[in-house]
Amino acid sequence: MAAFDAAIAAGFGIECDVRASRDGVAFVFHDAQLGRMTGLPGAVDDHAAAQLDAMALADGGPLPRLTALLARCADTVPLLVEIKAQGRAIEPICAAVAHDLSGGAKGRVAVMSFNPFAMHWFRRHAPRIVRGLVVTQQGKGQMRGVIERALALWLTKPDFIACDIRDLPSSFANRVRRRGLPVLTWTVRSPDERARAAAHADQIIFERMDD
């Protein structure tokens, strides 16, 4: 939460990752496993929300629920919520996020995911929430990437795309921009990447204020 508070104080929007507890509560947490950030064994979705509430991060802070971050943003700070979900097992986390956003978010929040089934869920069940498709070509053959992106665009009908900065410039990003979809790019960490993003994307996702 200290990082989020620093971003808010500096006037930046926020990007966060979310996973669901065993009982379907959305927590702001990147990894599937707890170990790296808490030193404890097991996966996030192995634990009930009350158990996760009792854990601490390395800085002594709690594992924040998404509702806590939404309260911090107070409907004034732009927030990108990246949904972490594997395969078709998307119902618990998607429903949890949609539930939290129904509690008062006023349109400055968007959801996004690598998982097209998650964004398809939002297309069907919460179409008023802005949704984005996160894509990368890294580790994929050219043809596989083309087919995956085409199918994902058809399935999700996203409002924006978030591209891997390592893939830019790309014909895919140029094509979707010509169609009117904004292109974000992640994760920008150097002046060179910032310059490339300025030429080939509409906004950046970064980690440090000096990026």
N, C-alpha and C. Protein backbone atom coordinates (compact mmCIF):
# COMPACT_ATOMS: atom_id res chain seq x y z
N MET A 1 0.82 -1.21 0.00
CA MET A 1 0.00 0.00 0.00
C MET A 1 0.86 1.26 0.00
N ALA A 2 2.09 1.14 0.51
CA ALA A 2 2.97 2.31 0.51
C ALA A 2 3.27 2.76 -0.92
N ALA A 3 3.46 1.79 -1.82
CA ALA A 3 3.72 2.14 -3.23
C ALA A 3 2.51 2.82 -3.85
N PHE A 4 1.32 2.32 -3.54
CA PHE A 4 0.11 2.95 -4.07
C PHE A 4 -0.05 4.37 -3.52
N ASP A 5 0.24 4.54 -2.24
CA ASP A 5 0.14 5.88 -1.64
C ASP A 5 1.13 6.84 -2.30
N ALA A 6 2.34 6.35 -2.61
CA ALA A 6 3.33 7.20 -3.27
C ALA A 6 2.87 7.59 -4.67
N ALA A 7 2.25 6.66 -5.39
CA ALA A 7 1.74 6.96 -6.72
C ALA A 7 0.63 8.00 -6.65
N ILE A 8 -0.26 7.84 -5.70
CA ILE A 8 -1.36 8.79 -5.55
C ILE A 8 -0.83 10.18 -5.21
N ALA A 9 0.15 10.23 -4.30
CA ALA A 9 0.72 11.52 -3.91
C ALA A 9 1.41 12.21 -5.08
N ALA A 10 1.98 11.43 -6.00
CA ALA A 10 2.67 11.99 -7.16
C ALA A 10 1.73 12.30 -8.32
N GLY A 11 0.46 11.94 -8.18
CA GLY A 11 -0.51 12.23 -9.23
C GLY A 11 -0.56 11.21 -10.35
N PHE A 12 -0.07 10.00 -10.10
CA PHE A 12 -0.08 8.96 -11.12
C PHE A 12 -1.30 8.05 -10.96
N GLY A 13 -1.70 7.43 -12.08
CA GLY A 13 -2.63 6.33 -12.00
C GLY A 13 -1.90 5.09 -11.49
N ILE A 14 -2.67 4.04 -11.25
CA ILE A 14 -2.13 2.83 -10.63
C ILE A 14 -2.51 1.61 -11.46
N GLU A 15 -1.56 0.67 -11.55
CA GLU A 15 -1.85 -0.66 -12.09
C GLU A 15 -1.60 -1.66 -10.98
N CYS A 16 -2.51 -2.62 -10.82
CA CYS A 16 -2.33 -3.64 -9.79
C CYS A 16 -2.75 -5.00 -10.35
N ASP A 17 -2.30 -6.06 -9.68
CA ASP A 17 -2.66 -7.42 -10.04
C ASP A 17 -3.56 -7.99 -8.94
N VAL A 18 -4.53 -8.79 -9.31
CA VAL A 18 -5.43 -9.34 -8.30
C VAL A 18 -5.62 -10.85 -8.49
N ARG A 19 -5.77 -11.52 -7.36
CA ARG A 19 -6.11 -12.94 -7.32
C ARG A 19 -7.22 -13.14 -6.30
N ALA A 20 -7.91 -14.25 -6.42
CA ALA A 20 -9.03 -14.53 -5.52
C ALA A 20 -8.61 -15.49 -4.42
N SER A 21 -9.13 -15.25 -3.22
CA SER A 21 -8.97 -16.19 -2.12
C SER A 21 -9.82 -17.43 -2.37
N ARG A 22 -9.65 -18.42 -1.52
CA ARG A 22 -10.43 -19.66 -1.67
C ARG A 22 -11.92 -19.41 -1.62
N ASP A 23 -12.33 -18.40 -0.83
CA ASP A 23 -13.75 -18.10 -0.68
C ASP A 23 -14.20 -16.92 -1.54
N GLY A 24 -13.41 -16.58 -2.57
CA GLY A 24 -13.87 -15.64 -3.58
C GLY A 24 -13.79 -14.17 -3.22
N VAL A 25 -12.71 -13.77 -2.54
CA VAL A 25 -12.46 -12.36 -2.24
C VAL A 25 -11.23 -11.92 -3.03
N ALA A 26 -11.30 -10.76 -3.67
CA ALA A 26 -10.20 -10.27 -4.50
C ALA A 26 -9.12 -9.61 -3.64
N PHE A 27 -7.88 -10.09 -3.79
CA PHE A 27 -6.72 -9.53 -3.10
C PHE A 27 -5.74 -8.99 -4.12
N VAL A 28 -5.08 -7.89 -3.77
CA VAL A 28 -4.06 -7.31 -4.63
C VAL A 28 -2.77 -8.09 -4.40
N PHE A 29 -2.45 -8.98 -5.33
CA PHE A 29 -1.30 -9.86 -5.18
C PHE A 29 -0.93 -10.39 -6.55
N HIS A 30 0.34 -10.32 -6.90
CA HIS A 30 0.78 -10.71 -8.23
C HIS A 30 0.97 -12.21 -8.38
N ASP A 31 1.72 -12.82 -7.48
CA ASP A 31 2.14 -14.22 -7.63
C ASP A 31 1.00 -15.17 -7.31
N ALA A 32 1.03 -16.35 -7.93
CA ALA A 32 0.10 -17.40 -7.56
C ALA A 32 0.44 -17.97 -6.19
N GLN A 33 1.75 -18.05 -5.89
CA GLN A 33 2.23 -18.59 -4.62
C GLN A 33 2.56 -17.46 -3.65
N LEU A 34 2.39 -17.73 -2.37
CA LEU A 34 2.61 -16.72 -1.33
C LEU A 34 4.07 -16.52 -0.96
N GLY A 35 4.93 -17.51 -1.25
CA GLY A 35 6.26 -17.56 -0.69
C GLY A 35 7.13 -16.35 -0.91
N ARG A 36 7.23 -15.84 -2.13
CA ARG A 36 8.17 -14.76 -2.44
C ARG A 36 7.87 -13.50 -1.64
N MET A 37 6.62 -13.20 -1.44
CA MET A 37 6.24 -11.94 -0.79
C MET A 37 5.93 -12.08 0.69
N THR A 38 5.61 -13.28 1.16
CA THR A 38 5.25 -13.44 2.57
C THR A 38 6.14 -14.42 3.32
N GLY A 39 6.88 -15.26 2.59
CA GLY A 39 7.67 -16.29 3.24
C GLY A 39 6.85 -17.48 3.71
N LEU A 40 5.59 -17.52 3.37
CA LEU A 40 4.70 -18.59 3.80
C LEU A 40 4.40 -19.54 2.64
N PRO A 41 4.11 -20.78 2.94
CA PRO A 41 3.86 -21.75 1.87
C PRO A 41 2.44 -21.64 1.32
N GLY A 42 2.24 -22.25 0.16
CA GLY A 42 0.91 -22.36 -0.40
C GLY A 42 0.57 -21.28 -1.40
N ALA A 43 -0.57 -21.47 -2.05
CA ALA A 43 -1.07 -20.53 -3.05
C ALA A 43 -2.10 -19.60 -2.44
N VAL A 44 -2.29 -18.48 -3.08
CA VAL A 44 -3.30 -17.52 -2.61
C VAL A 44 -4.66 -18.19 -2.53
N ASP A 45 -5.03 -18.93 -3.58
CA ASP A 45 -6.37 -19.51 -3.61
C ASP A 45 -6.52 -20.78 -2.77
N ASP A 46 -5.45 -21.14 -2.04
CA ASP A 46 -5.57 -22.21 -1.05
C ASP A 46 -6.12 -21.70 0.28
N HIS A 47 -6.16 -20.37 0.43
CA HIS A 47 -6.47 -19.77 1.72
C HIS A 47 -7.76 -18.95 1.66
N ALA A 48 -8.49 -18.98 2.76
CA ALA A 48 -9.68 -18.13 2.89
C ALA A 48 -9.24 -16.69 3.12
N ALA A 49 -10.15 -15.76 2.87
CA ALA A 49 -9.84 -14.34 3.01
C ALA A 49 -9.35 -14.00 4.41
N ALA A 50 -9.98 -14.57 5.43
CA ALA A 50 -9.58 -14.27 6.81
C ALA A 50 -8.14 -14.71 7.07
N GLN A 51 -7.72 -15.81 6.46
CA GLN A 51 -6.33 -16.25 6.61
C GLN A 51 -5.37 -15.30 5.92
N LEU A 52 -5.73 -14.85 4.72
CA LEU A 52 -4.87 -13.89 4.00
C LEU A 52 -4.81 -12.56 4.74
N ASP A 53 -5.90 -12.14 5.34
CA ASP A 53 -5.92 -10.90 6.12
C ASP A 53 -4.91 -10.95 7.27
N ALA A 54 -4.66 -12.13 7.80
CA ALA A 54 -3.77 -12.27 8.96
C ALA A 54 -2.30 -12.33 8.57
N MET A 55 -2.00 -12.40 7.26
CA MET A 55 -0.62 -12.49 6.80
C MET A 55 -0.03 -11.09 6.62
N ALA A 56 1.32 -11.05 6.59
CA ALA A 56 2.01 -9.77 6.39
C ALA A 56 3.01 -9.90 5.25
N LEU A 57 3.19 -8.81 4.53
CA LEU A 57 4.21 -8.73 3.49
C LEU A 57 5.57 -8.43 4.13
N ALA A 58 6.60 -8.43 3.31
CA ALA A 58 7.96 -8.22 3.83
C ALA A 58 8.12 -6.87 4.52
N ASP A 59 7.36 -5.86 4.09
CA ASP A 59 7.47 -4.54 4.72
C ASP A 59 6.59 -4.42 5.96
N GLY A 60 5.95 -5.51 6.35
CA GLY A 60 5.09 -5.49 7.52
C GLY A 60 3.65 -5.13 7.25
N GLY A 61 3.37 -4.69 6.03
CA GLY A 61 2.01 -4.33 5.67
C GLY A 61 1.16 -5.56 5.38
N PRO A 62 -0.15 -5.39 5.33
CA PRO A 62 -1.04 -6.51 5.07
C PRO A 62 -1.13 -6.84 3.58
N LEU A 63 -1.67 -8.01 3.27
CA LEU A 63 -2.07 -8.30 1.90
C LEU A 63 -3.36 -7.52 1.66
N PRO A 64 -3.34 -6.49 0.85
CA PRO A 64 -4.53 -5.66 0.73
C PRO A 64 -5.63 -6.31 -0.09
N ARG A 65 -6.84 -6.15 0.38
CA ARG A 65 -7.98 -6.52 -0.46
C ARG A 65 -8.15 -5.45 -1.55
N LEU A 66 -8.77 -5.83 -2.65
CA LEU A 66 -9.05 -4.85 -3.70
C LEU A 66 -9.92 -3.73 -3.18
N THR A 67 -10.84 -4.04 -2.29
CA THR A 67 -11.71 -3.00 -1.73
C THR A 67 -10.91 -1.93 -1.00
N ALA A 68 -9.79 -2.32 -0.36
CA ALA A 68 -8.96 -1.34 0.34
C ALA A 68 -8.30 -0.38 -0.64
N LEU A 69 -7.82 -0.92 -1.78
CA LEU A 69 -7.21 -0.05 -2.79
C LEU A 69 -8.25 0.85 -3.44
N LEU A 70 -9.43 0.31 -3.69
CA LEU A 70 -10.50 1.14 -4.26
C LEU A 70 -10.85 2.29 -3.33
N ALA A 71 -10.86 2.02 -2.04
CA ALA A 71 -11.14 3.10 -1.07
C ALA A 71 -10.04 4.14 -1.11
N ARG A 72 -8.78 3.72 -1.27
CA ARG A 72 -7.66 4.66 -1.38
C ARG A 72 -7.82 5.55 -2.61
N CYS A 73 -8.23 4.93 -3.72
CA CYS A 73 -8.35 5.69 -4.97
C CYS A 73 -9.53 6.65 -4.95
N ALA A 74 -10.55 6.33 -4.18
CA ALA A 74 -11.67 7.24 -3.92
C ALA A 74 -12.31 7.78 -5.19
N ASP A 75 -12.40 6.97 -6.23
CA ASP A 75 -13.06 7.34 -7.49
C ASP A 75 -12.39 8.49 -8.22
N THR A 76 -11.16 8.88 -7.80
CA THR A 76 -10.47 9.98 -8.47
C THR A 76 -9.15 9.55 -9.10
N VAL A 77 -8.58 8.45 -8.65
CA VAL A 77 -7.29 7.98 -9.17
C VAL A 77 -7.54 6.89 -10.20
N PRO A 78 -7.07 7.05 -11.43
CA PRO A 78 -7.25 5.99 -12.43
C PRO A 78 -6.59 4.69 -11.98
N LEU A 79 -7.30 3.58 -12.16
CA LEU A 79 -6.83 2.28 -11.67
C LEU A 79 -7.03 1.21 -12.74
N LEU A 80 -5.95 0.51 -13.07
CA LEU A 80 -6.00 -0.65 -13.95
C LEU A 80 -5.88 -1.91 -13.08
N VAL A 81 -6.86 -2.78 -13.17
CA VAL A 81 -6.87 -4.00 -12.37
C VAL A 81 -6.58 -5.18 -13.30
N GLU A 82 -5.37 -5.75 -13.16
CA GLU A 82 -5.03 -6.91 -13.98
C GLU A 82 -5.45 -8.18 -13.27
N ILE A 83 -6.30 -8.94 -13.91
CA ILE A 83 -6.84 -10.17 -13.34
C ILE A 83 -5.91 -11.33 -13.68
N LYS A 84 -5.45 -12.00 -12.64
CA LYS A 84 -4.57 -13.16 -12.79
C LYS A 84 -5.43 -14.42 -12.69
N ALA A 85 -5.52 -15.16 -13.78
CA ALA A 85 -6.33 -16.38 -13.80
C ALA A 85 -5.78 -17.31 -14.85
N GLN A 86 -5.81 -18.60 -14.57
CA GLN A 86 -5.28 -19.60 -15.49
C GLN A 86 -6.42 -20.32 -16.22
N GLY A 87 -6.25 -20.54 -17.52
CA GLY A 87 -7.21 -21.33 -18.29
C GLY A 87 -8.62 -20.79 -18.19
N ARG A 88 -9.55 -21.71 -18.02
CA ARG A 88 -10.95 -21.32 -17.95
C ARG A 88 -11.46 -21.16 -16.51
N ALA A 89 -10.57 -21.28 -15.54
CA ALA A 89 -10.97 -21.15 -14.14
C ALA A 89 -11.00 -19.69 -13.74
N ILE A 90 -11.93 -18.96 -14.35
CA ILE A 90 -11.93 -17.49 -14.20
C ILE A 90 -13.11 -16.96 -13.38
N GLU A 91 -14.11 -17.79 -13.14
CA GLU A 91 -15.33 -17.31 -12.48
C GLU A 91 -15.06 -16.70 -11.10
N PRO A 92 -14.29 -17.34 -10.19
CA PRO A 92 -14.13 -16.77 -8.85
C PRO A 92 -13.50 -15.38 -8.86
N ILE A 93 -12.41 -15.19 -9.60
CA ILE A 93 -11.75 -13.89 -9.56
C ILE A 93 -12.55 -12.84 -10.33
N CYS A 94 -13.13 -13.20 -11.46
CA CYS A 94 -13.92 -12.22 -12.22
C CYS A 94 -15.13 -11.77 -11.41
N ALA A 95 -15.83 -12.70 -10.81
CA ALA A 95 -17.00 -12.34 -10.02
C ALA A 95 -16.60 -11.50 -8.82
N ALA A 96 -15.46 -11.82 -8.20
CA ALA A 96 -15.01 -11.05 -7.04
C ALA A 96 -14.69 -9.61 -7.42
N VAL A 97 -13.98 -9.44 -8.53
CA VAL A 97 -13.63 -8.09 -8.97
C VAL A 97 -14.88 -7.31 -9.38
N ALA A 98 -15.76 -7.94 -10.14
CA ALA A 98 -17.00 -7.26 -10.55
C ALA A 98 -17.82 -6.84 -9.34
N HIS A 99 -17.86 -7.70 -8.33
CA HIS A 99 -18.60 -7.36 -7.11
C HIS A 99 -17.99 -6.13 -6.44
N ASP A 100 -16.66 -6.09 -6.32
CA ASP A 100 -16.03 -4.95 -5.67
C ASP A 100 -16.22 -3.67 -6.47
N LEU A 101 -16.18 -3.77 -7.80
CA LEU A 101 -16.35 -2.57 -8.62
C LEU A 101 -17.79 -2.08 -8.62
N SER A 102 -18.73 -2.96 -8.31
CA SER A 102 -20.13 -2.54 -8.25
C SER A 102 -20.42 -1.73 -6.99
N GLY A 103 -19.44 -1.67 -6.08
CA GLY A 103 -19.67 -0.98 -4.81
C GLY A 103 -19.38 0.50 -4.83
N GLY A 104 -19.17 1.08 -6.01
CA GLY A 104 -19.01 2.52 -6.03
C GLY A 104 -17.99 3.07 -6.99
N ALA A 105 -17.26 2.23 -7.74
CA ALA A 105 -16.32 2.76 -8.73
C ALA A 105 -17.08 3.53 -9.80
N LYS A 106 -16.60 4.72 -10.12
CA LYS A 106 -17.36 5.64 -10.98
C LYS A 106 -16.80 5.78 -12.38
N GLY A 107 -16.13 4.77 -12.88
CA GLY A 107 -15.71 4.82 -14.27
C GLY A 107 -14.25 5.12 -14.48
N ARG A 108 -13.46 5.31 -13.38
CA ARG A 108 -12.03 5.53 -13.53
C ARG A 108 -11.25 4.24 -13.32
N VAL A 109 -11.94 3.12 -13.35
CA VAL A 109 -11.34 1.81 -13.17
C VAL A 109 -11.55 0.98 -14.43
N ALA A 110 -10.50 0.27 -14.84
CA ALA A 110 -10.61 -0.67 -15.96
C ALA A 110 -10.01 -1.99 -15.53
N VAL A 111 -10.48 -3.06 -16.15
CA VAL A 111 -9.90 -4.38 -15.90
C VAL A 111 -9.15 -4.82 -17.15
N MET A 112 -8.16 -5.69 -16.95
CA MET A 112 -7.43 -6.24 -18.08
C MET A 112 -6.85 -7.59 -17.68
N SER A 113 -6.47 -8.39 -18.69
CA SER A 113 -5.92 -9.70 -18.39
C SER A 113 -5.25 -10.28 -19.63
N PHE A 114 -4.24 -11.13 -19.39
CA PHE A 114 -3.72 -11.97 -20.45
C PHE A 114 -4.75 -13.02 -20.86
N ASN A 115 -5.63 -13.36 -19.95
CA ASN A 115 -6.57 -14.46 -20.16
C ASN A 115 -7.80 -13.97 -20.91
N PRO A 116 -7.98 -14.34 -22.17
CA PRO A 116 -9.13 -13.85 -22.92
C PRO A 116 -10.46 -14.33 -22.35
N PHE A 117 -10.46 -15.49 -21.66
CA PHE A 117 -11.71 -15.96 -21.08
C PHE A 117 -12.17 -15.03 -19.95
N ALA A 118 -11.22 -14.44 -19.23
CA ALA A 118 -11.58 -13.49 -18.19
C ALA A 118 -12.23 -12.24 -18.80
N MET A 119 -11.65 -11.73 -19.87
CA MET A 119 -12.23 -10.54 -20.49
C MET A 119 -13.55 -10.86 -21.20
N HIS A 120 -13.68 -12.09 -21.70
CA HIS A 120 -14.96 -12.50 -22.25
C HIS A 120 -16.03 -12.54 -21.15
N TRP A 121 -15.64 -12.98 -19.96
CA TRP A 121 -16.57 -12.98 -18.83
C TRP A 121 -17.08 -11.57 -18.58
N PHE A 122 -16.19 -10.59 -18.55
CA PHE A 122 -16.62 -9.20 -18.31
C PHE A 122 -17.45 -8.67 -19.48
N ARG A 123 -17.11 -9.08 -20.67
CA ARG A 123 -17.92 -8.67 -21.83
C ARG A 123 -19.37 -9.13 -21.66
N ARG A 124 -19.55 -10.34 -21.14
CA ARG A 124 -20.89 -10.90 -20.99
C ARG A 124 -21.60 -10.41 -19.73
N HIS A 125 -20.89 -10.35 -18.62
CA HIS A 125 -21.53 -10.14 -17.33
C HIS A 125 -21.41 -8.71 -16.79
N ALA A 126 -20.42 -7.96 -17.25
CA ALA A 126 -20.24 -6.60 -16.76
C ALA A 126 -19.74 -5.71 -17.89
N PRO A 127 -20.53 -5.57 -18.95
CA PRO A 127 -20.05 -4.88 -20.16
C PRO A 127 -19.77 -3.40 -19.97
N ARG A 128 -20.29 -2.80 -18.91
CA ARG A 128 -20.04 -1.36 -18.69
C ARG A 128 -18.65 -1.09 -18.13
N ILE A 129 -17.99 -2.13 -17.62
CA ILE A 129 -16.63 -1.95 -17.10
C ILE A 129 -15.65 -2.00 -18.27
N VAL A 130 -14.82 -0.99 -18.39
CA VAL A 130 -13.83 -0.94 -19.47
C VAL A 130 -12.87 -2.12 -19.31
N ARG A 131 -12.60 -2.81 -20.42
CA ARG A 131 -11.77 -4.02 -20.35
C ARG A 131 -10.68 -3.97 -21.42
N GLY A 132 -9.54 -4.55 -21.06
CA GLY A 132 -8.40 -4.57 -21.98
C GLY A 132 -7.78 -5.94 -22.07
N LEU A 133 -7.14 -6.20 -23.21
CA LEU A 133 -6.45 -7.46 -23.46
C LEU A 133 -4.95 -7.22 -23.36
N VAL A 134 -4.28 -7.99 -22.49
CA VAL A 134 -2.83 -7.90 -22.33
C VAL A 134 -2.19 -8.94 -23.24
N VAL A 135 -1.20 -8.52 -24.03
CA VAL A 135 -0.60 -9.43 -25.01
C VAL A 135 0.91 -9.34 -24.99
N THR A 136 1.55 -10.46 -25.32
CA THR A 136 3.00 -10.50 -25.52
C THR A 136 3.31 -11.51 -26.60
N GLN A 137 4.35 -11.22 -27.35
CA GLN A 137 4.84 -12.14 -28.37
C GLN A 137 6.02 -12.95 -27.86
N GLN A 138 6.52 -12.59 -26.67
CA GLN A 138 7.72 -13.23 -26.14
C GLN A 138 7.49 -14.72 -25.90
N GLY A 139 8.43 -15.54 -26.39
CA GLY A 139 8.35 -16.97 -26.20
C GLY A 139 7.38 -17.68 -27.12
N LYS A 140 6.88 -16.98 -28.12
CA LYS A 140 5.92 -17.57 -29.04
C LYS A 140 6.44 -17.46 -30.47
N GLY A 141 6.15 -18.44 -31.28
CA GLY A 141 6.43 -18.33 -32.70
C GLY A 141 5.50 -17.31 -33.35
N GLN A 142 5.90 -16.77 -34.47
CA GLN A 142 5.13 -15.71 -35.11
C GLN A 142 3.71 -16.15 -35.42
N MET A 143 3.54 -17.33 -36.00
CA MET A 143 2.21 -17.77 -36.39
C MET A 143 1.34 -18.01 -35.17
N ARG A 144 1.91 -18.62 -34.11
CA ARG A 144 1.13 -18.84 -32.90
C ARG A 144 0.63 -17.52 -32.32
N GLY A 145 1.52 -16.51 -32.28
CA GLY A 145 1.12 -15.22 -31.75
C GLY A 145 0.00 -14.58 -32.56
N VAL A 146 0.09 -14.66 -33.88
CA VAL A 146 -0.94 -14.09 -34.75
C VAL A 146 -2.29 -14.74 -34.50
N ILE A 147 -2.29 -16.07 -34.43
CA ILE A 147 -3.56 -16.80 -34.23
C ILE A 147 -4.13 -16.51 -32.85
N GLU A 148 -3.29 -16.53 -31.80
CA GLU A 148 -3.78 -16.28 -30.45
C GLU A 148 -4.39 -14.89 -30.33
N ARG A 149 -3.71 -13.89 -30.87
CA ARG A 149 -4.22 -12.52 -30.77
C ARG A 149 -5.53 -12.36 -31.53
N ALA A 150 -5.62 -12.95 -32.72
CA ALA A 150 -6.85 -12.84 -33.51
C ALA A 150 -8.03 -13.47 -32.77
N LEU A 151 -7.82 -14.65 -32.20
CA LEU A 151 -8.90 -15.31 -31.47
C LEU A 151 -9.27 -14.53 -30.21
N ALA A 152 -8.26 -13.99 -29.53
CA ALA A 152 -8.53 -13.25 -28.30
C ALA A 152 -9.30 -11.96 -28.59
N LEU A 153 -8.95 -11.26 -29.65
CA LEU A 153 -9.68 -10.04 -30.02
C LEU A 153 -11.13 -10.36 -30.36
N TRP A 154 -11.35 -11.44 -31.08
CA TRP A 154 -12.71 -11.84 -31.44
C TRP A 154 -13.53 -12.20 -30.20
N LEU A 155 -12.89 -12.89 -29.25
CA LEU A 155 -13.60 -13.36 -28.06
C LEU A 155 -13.92 -12.24 -27.09
N THR A 156 -13.01 -11.30 -26.94
CA THR A 156 -13.14 -10.31 -25.86
C THR A 156 -13.72 -8.98 -26.30
N LYS A 157 -13.54 -8.60 -27.57
CA LYS A 157 -13.94 -7.26 -28.04
C LYS A 157 -13.46 -6.19 -27.05
N PRO A 158 -12.13 -6.09 -26.84
CA PRO A 158 -11.62 -5.21 -25.78
C PRO A 158 -11.76 -3.73 -26.13
N ASP A 159 -11.69 -2.91 -25.09
CA ASP A 159 -11.71 -1.45 -25.25
C ASP A 159 -10.31 -0.89 -25.45
N PHE A 160 -9.29 -1.65 -25.06
CA PHE A 160 -7.91 -1.24 -25.26
C PHE A 160 -7.02 -2.48 -25.23
N ILE A 161 -5.77 -2.30 -25.66
CA ILE A 161 -4.77 -3.35 -25.69
C ILE A 161 -3.60 -2.91 -24.83
N ALA A 162 -2.98 -3.85 -24.11
CA ALA A 162 -1.75 -3.58 -23.37
C ALA A 162 -0.66 -4.49 -23.90
N CYS A 163 0.32 -3.91 -24.62
CA CYS A 163 1.36 -4.67 -25.31
C CYS A 163 2.67 -4.68 -24.51
N ASP A 164 3.39 -5.76 -24.64
CA ASP A 164 4.74 -5.88 -24.10
C ASP A 164 5.64 -4.88 -24.83
N ILE A 165 6.36 -4.04 -24.07
CA ILE A 165 7.24 -3.05 -24.68
C ILE A 165 8.30 -3.71 -25.54
N ARG A 166 8.68 -4.96 -25.23
CA ARG A 166 9.69 -5.66 -26.01
C ARG A 166 9.20 -5.99 -27.41
N ASP A 167 7.89 -5.94 -27.62
CA ASP A 167 7.32 -6.26 -28.93
C ASP A 167 7.19 -5.03 -29.83
N LEU A 168 7.37 -3.85 -29.28
CA LEU A 168 7.17 -2.64 -30.07
C LEU A 168 8.46 -2.21 -30.75
N PRO A 169 8.36 -1.71 -32.01
CA PRO A 169 7.13 -1.55 -32.79
C PRO A 169 6.62 -2.88 -33.32
N SER A 170 5.31 -2.94 -33.54
CA SER A 170 4.72 -4.17 -34.07
C SER A 170 3.57 -3.83 -35.01
N SER A 171 3.39 -4.67 -36.01
CA SER A 171 2.29 -4.46 -36.95
C SER A 171 0.95 -4.64 -36.24
N PHE A 172 0.92 -5.54 -35.24
CA PHE A 172 -0.33 -5.75 -34.49
C PHE A 172 -0.74 -4.47 -33.77
N ALA A 173 0.18 -3.85 -33.05
CA ALA A 173 -0.15 -2.62 -32.33
C ALA A 173 -0.56 -1.52 -33.30
N ASN A 174 0.14 -1.40 -34.41
CA ASN A 174 -0.23 -0.39 -35.40
C ASN A 174 -1.63 -0.63 -35.95
N ARG A 175 -1.95 -1.88 -36.17
CA ARG A 175 -3.25 -2.21 -36.75
C ARG A 175 -4.39 -1.89 -35.78
N VAL A 176 -4.24 -2.26 -34.52
CA VAL A 176 -5.34 -1.99 -33.58
C VAL A 176 -5.47 -0.50 -33.30
N ARG A 177 -4.37 0.23 -33.34
CA ARG A 177 -4.47 1.68 -33.18
C ARG A 177 -5.23 2.32 -34.34
N ARG A 178 -4.99 1.83 -35.55
CA ARG A 178 -5.73 2.35 -36.70
C ARG A 178 -7.22 2.05 -36.58
N ARG A 179 -7.57 0.98 -35.88
CA ARG A 179 -8.97 0.64 -35.64
C ARG A 179 -9.59 1.47 -34.53
N GLY A 180 -8.77 2.29 -33.87
CA GLY A 180 -9.30 3.17 -32.83
C GLY A 180 -9.13 2.67 -31.41
N LEU A 181 -8.43 1.53 -31.22
CA LEU A 181 -8.21 1.03 -29.87
C LEU A 181 -6.93 1.64 -29.29
N PRO A 182 -7.00 2.22 -28.10
CA PRO A 182 -5.78 2.70 -27.45
C PRO A 182 -4.84 1.54 -27.16
N VAL A 183 -3.54 1.80 -27.28
CA VAL A 183 -2.52 0.81 -26.97
C VAL A 183 -1.69 1.30 -25.79
N LEU A 184 -1.74 0.55 -24.70
CA LEU A 184 -0.84 0.77 -23.58
C LEU A 184 0.36 -0.15 -23.75
N THR A 185 1.45 0.15 -23.07
CA THR A 185 2.60 -0.76 -23.14
C THR A 185 3.26 -0.89 -21.78
N TRP A 186 3.74 -2.10 -21.50
CA TRP A 186 4.34 -2.46 -20.23
C TRP A 186 5.62 -3.25 -20.46
N THR A 187 6.52 -3.35 -19.55
CA THR A 187 6.71 -2.44 -18.45
C THR A 187 7.87 -1.55 -18.84
N VAL A 188 7.65 -0.26 -18.88
CA VAL A 188 8.65 0.69 -19.37
C VAL A 188 9.62 1.02 -18.23
N ARG A 189 10.93 0.77 -18.49
CA ARG A 189 11.92 0.90 -17.42
C ARG A 189 13.14 1.73 -17.82
N SER A 190 13.17 2.33 -18.98
CA SER A 190 14.36 3.07 -19.41
C SER A 190 13.95 4.20 -20.34
N PRO A 191 14.83 5.20 -20.50
CA PRO A 191 14.55 6.28 -21.46
C PRO A 191 14.33 5.77 -22.87
N ASP A 192 15.10 4.76 -23.29
CA ASP A 192 14.93 4.20 -24.63
C ASP A 192 13.53 3.60 -24.79
N GLU A 193 13.08 2.86 -23.78
CA GLU A 193 11.76 2.26 -23.85
C GLU A 193 10.67 3.32 -23.81
N ARG A 194 10.91 4.39 -23.05
CA ARG A 194 9.92 5.47 -23.02
C ARG A 194 9.80 6.13 -24.39
N ALA A 195 10.92 6.34 -25.06
CA ALA A 195 10.89 6.95 -26.40
C ALA A 195 10.18 6.03 -27.39
N ARG A 196 10.44 4.73 -27.29
CA ARG A 196 9.78 3.78 -28.17
C ARG A 196 8.28 3.76 -27.91
N ALA A 197 7.91 3.81 -26.65
CA ALA A 197 6.49 3.83 -26.30
C ALA A 197 5.82 5.08 -26.83
N ALA A 198 6.50 6.22 -26.75
CA ALA A 198 5.92 7.47 -27.24
C ALA A 198 5.62 7.41 -28.73
N ALA A 199 6.43 6.64 -29.45
CA ALA A 199 6.24 6.54 -30.90
C ALA A 199 5.20 5.51 -31.29
N HIS A 200 4.98 4.51 -30.45
CA HIS A 200 4.17 3.37 -30.89
C HIS A 200 3.01 3.01 -29.96
N ALA A 201 2.79 3.78 -28.90
CA ALA A 201 1.71 3.47 -27.96
C ALA A 201 1.09 4.77 -27.48
N ASP A 202 0.01 4.63 -26.74
CA ASP A 202 -0.73 5.80 -26.25
C ASP A 202 -0.48 6.10 -24.78
N GLN A 203 0.01 5.12 -24.03
CA GLN A 203 0.30 5.33 -22.61
C GLN A 203 1.22 4.22 -22.14
N ILE A 204 1.94 4.47 -21.04
CA ILE A 204 2.88 3.49 -20.51
C ILE A 204 2.44 2.99 -19.13
N ILE A 205 2.88 1.78 -18.82
CA ILE A 205 2.80 1.24 -17.46
C ILE A 205 4.25 1.10 -17.00
N PHE A 206 4.57 1.70 -15.85
CA PHE A 206 5.96 1.73 -15.40
C PHE A 206 6.01 1.35 -13.92
N GLU A 207 7.24 1.17 -13.40
CA GLU A 207 7.42 0.73 -12.03
C GLU A 207 7.91 1.83 -11.10
N ARG A 208 8.84 2.63 -11.57
CA ARG A 208 9.46 3.64 -10.71
C ARG A 208 9.19 5.03 -11.29
N MET A 209 9.16 6.03 -10.40
CA MET A 209 8.85 7.39 -10.85
C MET A 209 9.88 7.92 -11.83
N ASP A 210 11.13 7.42 -11.75
CA ASP A 210 12.16 7.92 -12.65
C ASP A 210 12.18 7.15 -13.98
N ASP A 211 11.24 6.23 -14.18
CA ASP A 211 11.11 5.54 -15.47
C ASP A 211 10.48 6.48 -16.51
